[in-house]
N, C-alpha and C. Protein backbone atom coordinates (compact mmCIF):
# COMPACT_ATOMS: atom_id res chain seq x y z
N MET A 1 -100.11 -38.50 -38.46
CA MET A 1 -100.94 -39.14 -37.46
C MET A 1 -102.29 -39.47 -38.09
N LYS A 2 -102.84 -40.64 -37.79
CA LYS A 2 -104.16 -41.04 -38.27
C LYS A 2 -105.19 -40.74 -37.17
N ILE A 3 -106.15 -39.89 -37.51
CA ILE A 3 -107.11 -39.41 -36.52
C ILE A 3 -108.53 -39.76 -36.95
N LEU A 4 -109.30 -40.32 -36.03
CA LEU A 4 -110.70 -40.66 -36.27
C LEU A 4 -111.57 -39.68 -35.49
N GLN A 5 -112.45 -38.96 -36.19
CA GLN A 5 -113.40 -38.05 -35.57
C GLN A 5 -114.76 -38.76 -35.57
N VAL A 6 -115.42 -38.87 -34.42
CA VAL A 6 -116.67 -39.61 -34.31
C VAL A 6 -117.79 -38.67 -33.87
N PHE A 7 -118.88 -38.67 -34.67
CA PHE A 7 -120.07 -37.89 -34.31
C PHE A 7 -121.30 -38.61 -34.83
N ASP A 8 -122.43 -38.48 -34.14
CA ASP A 8 -123.66 -39.20 -34.48
C ASP A 8 -124.13 -38.97 -35.91
N PHE A 9 -124.11 -37.72 -36.35
CA PHE A 9 -124.52 -37.39 -37.72
C PHE A 9 -123.75 -36.18 -38.19
N PHE A 10 -123.49 -36.13 -39.47
CA PHE A 10 -122.63 -35.07 -40.01
C PHE A 10 -123.41 -34.23 -41.02
N SER A 11 -124.23 -33.35 -40.50
CA SER A 11 -125.06 -32.47 -41.33
C SER A 11 -124.99 -31.06 -40.76
N PRO A 12 -124.45 -30.10 -41.52
CA PRO A 12 -124.36 -28.74 -40.99
C PRO A 12 -125.74 -28.14 -40.68
N LEU A 13 -126.76 -28.54 -41.44
CA LEU A 13 -128.10 -28.01 -41.21
C LEU A 13 -128.66 -28.47 -39.86
N HIS A 14 -128.44 -29.73 -39.51
CA HIS A 14 -129.02 -30.28 -38.29
C HIS A 14 -128.01 -30.40 -37.15
N GLY A 15 -126.72 -30.46 -37.47
CA GLY A 15 -125.69 -30.62 -36.44
C GLY A 15 -125.18 -29.32 -35.87
N GLY A 16 -125.43 -28.24 -36.60
CA GLY A 16 -125.05 -26.92 -36.11
C GLY A 16 -123.60 -26.73 -35.76
N GLY A 17 -123.36 -26.20 -34.57
CA GLY A 17 -122.02 -25.82 -34.13
C GLY A 17 -121.04 -26.97 -34.05
N THR A 18 -121.50 -28.14 -33.66
CA THR A 18 -120.59 -29.28 -33.55
C THR A 18 -120.04 -29.66 -34.91
N VAL A 19 -120.89 -29.68 -35.92
CA VAL A 19 -120.44 -30.01 -37.28
C VAL A 19 -119.51 -28.91 -37.80
N ASP A 20 -119.80 -27.68 -37.49
CA ASP A 20 -118.93 -26.57 -37.90
C ASP A 20 -117.55 -26.71 -37.27
N VAL A 21 -117.51 -27.01 -35.98
CA VAL A 21 -116.23 -27.20 -35.28
C VAL A 21 -115.48 -28.39 -35.87
N MET A 22 -116.19 -29.49 -36.09
CA MET A 22 -115.56 -30.68 -36.66
C MET A 22 -114.97 -30.39 -38.04
N THR A 23 -115.71 -29.66 -38.86
CA THR A 23 -115.25 -29.33 -40.21
C THR A 23 -113.97 -28.51 -40.15
N LYS A 24 -113.96 -27.48 -39.32
CA LYS A 24 -112.77 -26.64 -39.19
C LYS A 24 -111.59 -27.44 -38.62
N LEU A 25 -111.86 -28.27 -37.65
CA LEU A 25 -110.82 -29.09 -37.05
C LEU A 25 -110.25 -30.08 -38.06
N CYS A 26 -111.11 -30.76 -38.79
CA CYS A 26 -110.67 -31.72 -39.81
C CYS A 26 -109.86 -31.04 -40.91
N ASN A 27 -110.33 -29.90 -41.37
CA ASN A 27 -109.59 -29.16 -42.41
C ASN A 27 -108.21 -28.74 -41.90
N GLY A 28 -108.14 -28.23 -40.68
CA GLY A 28 -106.86 -27.81 -40.12
C GLY A 28 -105.91 -28.98 -39.93
N LEU A 29 -106.41 -30.09 -39.43
CA LEU A 29 -105.57 -31.27 -39.24
C LEU A 29 -105.05 -31.80 -40.57
N THR A 30 -105.93 -31.82 -41.58
CA THR A 30 -105.53 -32.29 -42.90
C THR A 30 -104.47 -31.39 -43.50
N GLN A 31 -104.64 -30.08 -43.36
CA GLN A 31 -103.66 -29.13 -43.88
C GLN A 31 -102.31 -29.26 -43.20
N ASN A 32 -102.31 -29.79 -41.99
CA ASN A 32 -101.06 -30.00 -41.25
C ASN A 32 -100.49 -31.41 -41.45
N GLY A 33 -101.01 -32.12 -42.44
CA GLY A 33 -100.44 -33.41 -42.83
C GLY A 33 -101.00 -34.64 -42.15
N HIS A 34 -102.04 -34.49 -41.35
CA HIS A 34 -102.64 -35.65 -40.69
C HIS A 34 -103.66 -36.32 -41.61
N LYS A 35 -103.86 -37.61 -41.42
CA LYS A 35 -104.87 -38.38 -42.14
C LYS A 35 -106.12 -38.41 -41.27
N VAL A 36 -107.19 -37.75 -41.73
CA VAL A 36 -108.40 -37.60 -40.93
C VAL A 36 -109.55 -38.41 -41.53
N THR A 37 -110.24 -39.14 -40.65
CA THR A 37 -111.43 -39.89 -41.04
C THR A 37 -112.56 -39.48 -40.11
N VAL A 38 -113.74 -39.24 -40.68
CA VAL A 38 -114.93 -38.93 -39.89
C VAL A 38 -115.81 -40.17 -39.88
N CYS A 39 -116.17 -40.63 -38.70
CA CYS A 39 -117.05 -41.77 -38.53
C CYS A 39 -118.41 -41.23 -38.10
N THR A 40 -119.44 -41.54 -38.91
CA THR A 40 -120.76 -40.97 -38.67
C THR A 40 -121.83 -41.90 -39.22
N SER A 41 -123.09 -41.48 -39.12
CA SER A 41 -124.20 -42.26 -39.66
C SER A 41 -124.80 -41.54 -40.88
N TYR A 42 -125.69 -42.23 -41.57
CA TYR A 42 -126.38 -41.65 -42.72
C TYR A 42 -127.47 -40.67 -42.31
N PHE A 43 -127.77 -40.56 -41.02
CA PHE A 43 -128.86 -39.70 -40.56
C PHE A 43 -128.65 -38.26 -41.02
N GLU A 44 -129.60 -37.74 -41.81
CA GLU A 44 -129.57 -36.37 -42.32
C GLU A 44 -128.27 -36.03 -43.06
N LEU A 45 -127.61 -37.02 -43.65
CA LEU A 45 -126.33 -36.82 -44.31
C LEU A 45 -126.48 -35.90 -45.53
N ASP A 46 -125.61 -34.92 -45.63
CA ASP A 46 -125.60 -33.96 -46.73
C ASP A 46 -124.43 -34.29 -47.65
N ARG A 47 -124.68 -35.08 -48.69
CA ARG A 47 -123.62 -35.51 -49.61
C ARG A 47 -122.94 -34.33 -50.30
N GLY A 48 -123.69 -33.31 -50.64
CA GLY A 48 -123.11 -32.12 -51.27
C GLY A 48 -122.07 -31.47 -50.36
N PHE A 49 -122.37 -31.42 -49.08
CA PHE A 49 -121.43 -30.87 -48.11
C PHE A 49 -120.17 -31.73 -48.02
N LEU A 50 -120.34 -33.05 -48.01
CA LEU A 50 -119.18 -33.95 -47.93
C LEU A 50 -118.25 -33.76 -49.13
N ASP A 51 -118.83 -33.50 -50.29
CA ASP A 51 -118.02 -33.31 -51.50
C ASP A 51 -117.11 -32.09 -51.42
N THR A 52 -117.44 -31.14 -50.54
CA THR A 52 -116.61 -29.93 -50.41
C THR A 52 -115.41 -30.16 -49.49
N LEU A 53 -115.39 -31.27 -48.79
CA LEU A 53 -114.34 -31.55 -47.81
C LEU A 53 -113.24 -32.39 -48.46
N VAL A 54 -112.23 -31.73 -48.95
CA VAL A 54 -111.15 -32.38 -49.68
C VAL A 54 -110.14 -32.99 -48.72
N GLY A 55 -109.75 -34.23 -48.97
CA GLY A 55 -108.72 -34.89 -48.18
C GLY A 55 -109.20 -35.53 -46.90
N ILE A 56 -110.51 -35.51 -46.65
CA ILE A 56 -111.07 -36.11 -45.44
C ILE A 56 -111.79 -37.39 -45.85
N ASN A 57 -111.50 -38.48 -45.15
CA ASN A 57 -112.15 -39.76 -45.43
C ASN A 57 -113.37 -39.92 -44.54
N PHE A 58 -114.28 -40.78 -44.95
CA PHE A 58 -115.51 -40.99 -44.18
C PHE A 58 -115.79 -42.47 -43.99
N GLU A 59 -116.21 -42.83 -42.79
CA GLU A 59 -116.76 -44.14 -42.45
C GLU A 59 -118.23 -43.84 -42.13
N ILE A 60 -119.12 -44.18 -43.07
CA ILE A 60 -120.54 -43.84 -42.92
C ILE A 60 -121.35 -45.12 -42.82
N ASP A 61 -122.17 -45.21 -41.79
CA ASP A 61 -122.98 -46.40 -41.58
C ASP A 61 -124.45 -46.06 -41.50
N HIS A 62 -125.26 -47.05 -41.85
CA HIS A 62 -126.71 -46.90 -41.85
C HIS A 62 -127.23 -46.68 -40.43
N ASN A 63 -128.12 -45.73 -40.29
CA ASN A 63 -128.75 -45.43 -39.02
C ASN A 63 -130.10 -46.14 -38.99
N LEU A 64 -130.27 -47.13 -38.10
CA LEU A 64 -131.53 -47.87 -38.05
C LEU A 64 -132.68 -47.02 -37.54
N PHE A 65 -132.43 -46.27 -36.48
CA PHE A 65 -133.46 -45.37 -35.98
C PHE A 65 -132.87 -44.33 -35.05
N TYR A 66 -133.66 -43.31 -34.80
CA TYR A 66 -133.30 -42.23 -33.88
C TYR A 66 -134.39 -42.20 -32.82
N LEU A 67 -133.99 -42.27 -31.55
CA LEU A 67 -134.97 -42.28 -30.49
C LEU A 67 -134.40 -41.58 -29.26
N PHE A 68 -135.05 -40.51 -28.82
CA PHE A 68 -134.66 -39.78 -27.61
C PHE A 68 -133.19 -39.38 -27.61
N GLY A 69 -132.70 -38.88 -28.74
CA GLY A 69 -131.32 -38.41 -28.81
C GLY A 69 -130.29 -39.49 -29.07
N VAL A 70 -130.74 -40.72 -29.31
CA VAL A 70 -129.82 -41.82 -29.61
C VAL A 70 -129.94 -42.18 -31.08
N TYR A 71 -128.83 -42.16 -31.78
CA TYR A 71 -128.77 -42.53 -33.18
C TYR A 71 -128.22 -43.96 -33.22
N PHE A 72 -129.09 -44.94 -33.42
CA PHE A 72 -128.72 -46.34 -33.35
C PHE A 72 -128.10 -46.78 -34.67
N THR A 73 -126.79 -47.00 -34.65
CA THR A 73 -126.02 -47.31 -35.85
C THR A 73 -125.16 -48.56 -35.58
N PRO A 74 -125.77 -49.75 -35.61
CA PRO A 74 -125.03 -50.96 -35.24
C PRO A 74 -123.88 -51.31 -36.18
N GLY A 75 -123.93 -50.91 -37.44
CA GLY A 75 -122.86 -51.21 -38.39
C GLY A 75 -121.54 -50.56 -38.05
N ILE A 76 -121.57 -49.61 -37.15
CA ILE A 76 -120.35 -48.88 -36.79
C ILE A 76 -119.32 -49.79 -36.12
N ARG A 77 -119.77 -50.92 -35.62
CA ARG A 77 -118.85 -51.81 -34.91
C ARG A 77 -117.77 -52.40 -35.83
N HIS A 78 -117.95 -52.29 -37.14
CA HIS A 78 -116.94 -52.82 -38.07
C HIS A 78 -115.71 -51.91 -38.19
N VAL A 79 -115.80 -50.69 -37.68
CA VAL A 79 -114.68 -49.75 -37.78
C VAL A 79 -113.52 -50.27 -36.92
N ASP A 80 -112.36 -50.43 -37.54
CA ASP A 80 -111.18 -50.94 -36.84
C ASP A 80 -110.45 -49.76 -36.18
N VAL A 81 -110.73 -49.55 -34.91
CA VAL A 81 -110.16 -48.41 -34.19
C VAL A 81 -108.66 -48.57 -33.96
N ARG A 82 -108.14 -49.78 -34.10
CA ARG A 82 -106.71 -50.02 -33.87
C ARG A 82 -105.83 -49.36 -34.92
N LYS A 83 -106.39 -49.01 -36.07
CA LYS A 83 -105.57 -48.40 -37.12
C LYS A 83 -105.41 -46.89 -36.96
N TYR A 84 -106.01 -46.32 -35.91
CA TYR A 84 -105.92 -44.88 -35.67
C TYR A 84 -105.02 -44.59 -34.47
N ASP A 85 -104.30 -43.49 -34.56
CA ASP A 85 -103.45 -43.06 -33.46
C ASP A 85 -104.24 -42.29 -32.40
N LEU A 86 -105.33 -41.66 -32.84
CA LEU A 86 -106.12 -40.82 -31.94
C LEU A 86 -107.58 -40.91 -32.36
N ILE A 87 -108.48 -41.03 -31.37
CA ILE A 87 -109.92 -41.02 -31.64
C ILE A 87 -110.53 -39.88 -30.84
N HIS A 88 -111.27 -39.02 -31.53
CA HIS A 88 -111.91 -37.88 -30.89
C HIS A 88 -113.42 -38.09 -30.96
N PHE A 89 -114.05 -38.33 -29.81
CA PHE A 89 -115.50 -38.47 -29.73
C PHE A 89 -116.11 -37.10 -29.49
N HIS A 90 -116.98 -36.67 -30.38
CA HIS A 90 -117.60 -35.35 -30.25
C HIS A 90 -118.90 -35.39 -29.46
N CYS A 91 -119.34 -36.55 -29.09
CA CYS A 91 -120.55 -36.68 -28.28
C CYS A 91 -120.30 -37.82 -27.30
N PHE A 92 -120.05 -37.51 -26.07
CA PHE A 92 -119.63 -38.50 -25.10
C PHE A 92 -120.67 -39.59 -24.86
N ARG A 93 -121.91 -39.21 -24.72
CA ARG A 93 -122.97 -40.18 -24.44
C ARG A 93 -123.72 -40.53 -25.72
N SER A 94 -123.12 -41.40 -26.51
CA SER A 94 -123.76 -41.79 -27.75
C SER A 94 -123.55 -43.27 -28.01
N PHE A 95 -124.40 -43.83 -28.85
CA PHE A 95 -124.26 -45.23 -29.23
C PHE A 95 -122.91 -45.47 -29.90
N GLN A 96 -122.49 -44.53 -30.76
CA GLN A 96 -121.21 -44.66 -31.45
C GLN A 96 -120.05 -44.73 -30.48
N HIS A 97 -120.10 -43.92 -29.45
CA HIS A 97 -119.04 -43.90 -28.45
C HIS A 97 -118.96 -45.25 -27.74
N ILE A 98 -120.09 -45.79 -27.38
CA ILE A 98 -120.13 -47.09 -26.68
C ILE A 98 -119.57 -48.19 -27.58
N MET A 99 -119.97 -48.20 -28.84
CA MET A 99 -119.55 -49.25 -29.76
C MET A 99 -118.06 -49.20 -30.09
N LEU A 100 -117.49 -48.01 -30.12
CA LEU A 100 -116.08 -47.86 -30.51
C LEU A 100 -115.12 -47.80 -29.32
N SER A 101 -115.63 -47.75 -28.12
CA SER A 101 -114.77 -47.68 -26.93
C SER A 101 -114.18 -49.04 -26.60
């Protein structure tokens, strides 16, 4: 199964529990034979952390700005959601969710 995980930013330092849950979920899904992609922005991106995640693909887009809890990432609209069997939004009220819905 091809699974897309969507979150505003993927940084364990700033994302806390949500990033920890996503990491464990992605690792478990990958170990069970699923193709996992994380769709996120460059905001506070920790490249060293990403390098530790084996077998997980990333769709990373430039974050234009952050304002009042909104991570504005207009480039995310290029993600072709039709190629995924399942999309998991980790933040219901987000710009990414609106753009990919």
